Amino acid sequence: MPTPEVVKLLREMSGKHLNKEAVDAFIGMVELFPVGVAVRVSGGQYDRCLGVVVGSSPRRRGRPVVRLLFGRDAKQQAFRLASSGVV
């Protein structure tokens, strides 16, 4: 099950079937997108491109820093990351 779906399910069960404080603490401690995990970008300029997680933002945990490796057609790409501000 994808990480966002797990988090959504835990939040839905929080307070009803699971202790809310425990769920909040668990979600706060678990890295949603661990460094090194392969991801497919959804939305925006790089929609459907493949990449690898290289970092995370403490303020936006659901939006990891991704290094793009492959374009939409799954062919290796040389993205111009420095000019776009994407790492």
C-alpha atoms as a PDB file:
ATOM      1  CA  MET A   1       0.000   0.000   0.000  1.00  0.00           C
ATOM      2  CA  PRO A   2       1.445   3.436  -0.909  1.00  0.00           C
ATOM      3  CA  THR A   3       2.592   5.621   1.982  1.00  0.00           C
ATOM      4  CA  PRO A   4      -0.029   8.370   1.494  1.00  0.00           C
ATOM      5  CA  GLU A   5      -2.809   5.776   1.621  1.00  0.00           C
ATOM      6  CA  VAL A   6      -1.422   4.298   4.847  1.00  0.00           C
ATOM      7  CA  VAL A   7      -1.229   7.744   6.462  1.00  0.00           C
ATOM      8  CA  LYS A   8      -4.783   8.536   5.336  1.00  0.00           C
ATOM      9  CA  LEU A   9      -6.058   5.229   6.758  1.00  0.00           C
ATOM     10  CA  LEU A  10      -4.276   5.788  10.080  1.00  0.00           C
ATOM     11  CA  ARG A  11      -5.722   9.303  10.343  1.00  0.00           C
ATOM     12  CA  GLU A  12      -9.232   7.995   9.579  1.00  0.00           C
ATOM     13  CA  MET A  13      -8.893   5.362  12.317  1.00  0.00           C
ATOM     14  CA  SER A  14      -7.364   7.865  14.745  1.00  0.00           C
ATOM     15  CA  GLY A  15      -9.648   8.597  17.693  1.00  0.00           C
ATOM     16  CA  LYS A  16     -12.111   5.840  16.739  1.00  0.00           C
ATOM     17  CA  HIS A  17     -10.117   2.612  16.717  1.00  0.00           C
ATOM     18  CA  LEU A  18      -6.631   3.934  17.481  1.00  0.00           C
ATOM     19  CA  ASN A  19      -5.305   6.327  20.094  1.00  0.00           C
ATOM     20  CA  LYS A  20      -5.061   9.766  18.416  1.00  0.00           C
ATOM     21  CA  GLU A  21      -1.928  10.832  20.303  1.00  0.00           C
ATOM     22  CA  ALA A  22      -0.173   7.566  19.423  1.00  0.00           C
ATOM     23  CA  VAL A  23      -1.087   7.901  15.733  1.00  0.00           C
ATOM     24  CA  ASP A  24       0.138  11.519  15.643  1.00  0.00           C
ATOM     25  CA  ALA A  25       3.407  10.538  17.352  1.00  0.00           C
ATOM     26  CA  PHE A  26       3.935   7.576  15.021  1.00  0.00           C
ATOM     27  CA  ILE A  27       3.304   9.613  11.863  1.00  0.00           C
ATOM     28  CA  GLY A  28       5.594  12.336  13.201  1.00  0.00           C
ATOM     29  CA  MET A  29       8.453   9.869  13.697  1.00  0.00           C
ATOM     30  CA  VAL A  30       8.177   7.812  10.512  1.00  0.00           C
ATOM     31  CA  GLU A  31       9.849   9.086   7.357  1.00  0.00           C
ATOM     32  CA  LEU A  32       7.092   9.135   4.747  1.00  0.00           C
ATOM     33  CA  PHE A  33       9.524   9.022   1.817  1.00  0.00           C
ATOM     34  CA  PRO A  34      12.877   7.551   2.935  1.00  0.00           C
ATOM     35  CA  VAL A  35      16.018   8.679   1.112  1.00  0.00           C
ATOM     36  CA  GLY A  36      16.836   6.298  -1.730  1.00  0.00           C
ATOM     37  CA  VAL A  37      13.257   5.267  -2.509  1.00  0.00           C
ATOM     38  CA  ALA A  38      12.246   5.365  -6.169  1.00  0.00           C
ATOM     39  CA  VAL A  39       9.227   7.564  -6.889  1.00  0.00           C
ATOM     40  CA  ARG A  40       7.088   8.644  -9.827  1.00  0.00           C
ATOM     41  CA  VAL A  41       6.246  12.353  -9.823  1.00  0.00           C
ATOM     42  CA  SER A  42       2.555  13.181 -10.102  1.00  0.00           C
ATOM     43  CA  GLY A  43       1.407  16.518 -11.455  1.00  0.00           C
ATOM     44  CA  GLY A  44       3.153  19.601 -12.685  1.00  0.00           C
ATOM     45  CA  GLN A  45       5.937  20.006 -15.214  1.00  0.00           C
ATOM     46  CA  TYR A  46       7.549  16.659 -14.355  1.00  0.00           C
ATOM     47  CA  ASP A  47       4.354  14.580 -14.227  1.00  0.00           C
ATOM     48  CA  ARG A  48       5.041  10.820 -14.604  1.00  0.00           C
ATOM     49  CA  CYS A  49       8.837  11.286 -14.523  1.00  0.00           C
ATOM     50  CA  LEU A  50      10.836   8.793 -12.441  1.00  0.00           C
ATOM     51  CA  GLY A  51      13.270   9.796  -9.753  1.00  0.00           C
ATOM     52  CA  VAL A  52      14.805   8.959  -6.410  1.00  0.00           C
ATOM     53  CA  VAL A  53      14.233  10.671  -3.053  1.00  0.00           C
ATOM     54  CA  VAL A  54      17.353  12.589  -1.971  1.00  0.00           C
ATOM     55  CA  GLY A  55      15.954  14.488   0.992  1.00  0.00           C
ATOM     56  CA  SER A  56      12.915  15.649   2.902  1.00  0.00           C
ATOM     57  CA  SER A  57      11.453  18.879   4.183  1.00  0.00           C
ATOM     58  CA  PRO A  58      10.346  19.011   7.815  1.00  0.00           C
ATOM     59  CA  ARG A  59       7.625  21.532   6.921  1.00  0.00           C
ATOM     60  CA  ARG A  60       6.245  19.621   3.913  1.00  0.00           C
ATOM     61  CA  ARG A  61       6.635  15.952   4.806  1.00  0.00           C
ATOM     62  CA  GLY A  62       4.432  14.766   1.951  1.00  0.00           C
ATOM     63  CA  ARG A  63       6.621  16.467  -0.667  1.00  0.00           C
ATOM     64  CA  PRO A  64      10.100  14.911  -0.727  1.00  0.00           C
ATOM     65  CA  VAL A  65      13.101  16.379  -2.554  1.00  0.00           C
ATOM     66  CA  VAL A  66      13.472  14.226  -5.678  1.00  0.00           C
ATOM     67  CA  ARG A  67      16.339  13.852  -8.144  1.00  0.00           C
ATOM     68  CA  LEU A  68      14.765  13.134 -11.520  1.00  0.00           C
ATOM     69  CA  LEU A  69      16.341  10.280 -13.473  1.00  0.00           C
ATOM     70  CA  PHE A  70      13.940   9.302 -16.245  1.00  0.00           C
ATOM     71  CA  GLY A  71      11.413  11.191 -18.349  1.00  0.00           C
ATOM     72  CA  ARG A  72       7.809  10.250 -19.003  1.00  0.00           C
ATOM     73  CA  ASP A  73       8.857   7.805 -21.694  1.00  0.00           C
ATOM     74  CA  ALA A  74      11.174   5.998 -19.202  1.00  0.00           C
ATOM     75  CA  LYS A  75      14.250   7.069 -21.182  1.00  0.00           C
ATOM     76  CA  GLN A  76      17.150   8.489 -19.229  1.00  0.00           C
ATOM     77  CA  GLN A  77      17.030  12.259 -19.314  1.00  0.00           C
ATOM     78  CA  ALA A  78      19.416  15.100 -18.624  1.00  0.00           C
ATOM     79  CA  PHE A  79      17.153  17.490 -16.722  1.00  0.00           C
ATOM     80  CA  ARG A  80      18.222  21.097 -16.277  1.00  0.00           C
ATOM     81  CA  LEU A  81      17.683  21.078 -12.541  1.00  0.00           C
ATOM     82  CA  ALA A  82      19.843  24.010 -11.472  1.00  0.00           C
ATOM     83  CA  SER A  83      17.854  26.566 -13.465  1.00  0.00           C
ATOM     84  CA  SER A  84      14.476  25.245 -12.358  1.00  0.00           C
ATOM     85  CA  GLY A  85      15.316  25.098  -8.656  1.00  0.00           C
ATOM     86  CA  VAL A  86      14.514  21.382  -8.508  1.00  0.00           C
ATOM     87  CA  VAL A  87      17.143  19.168  -6.896  1.00  0.00           C
END
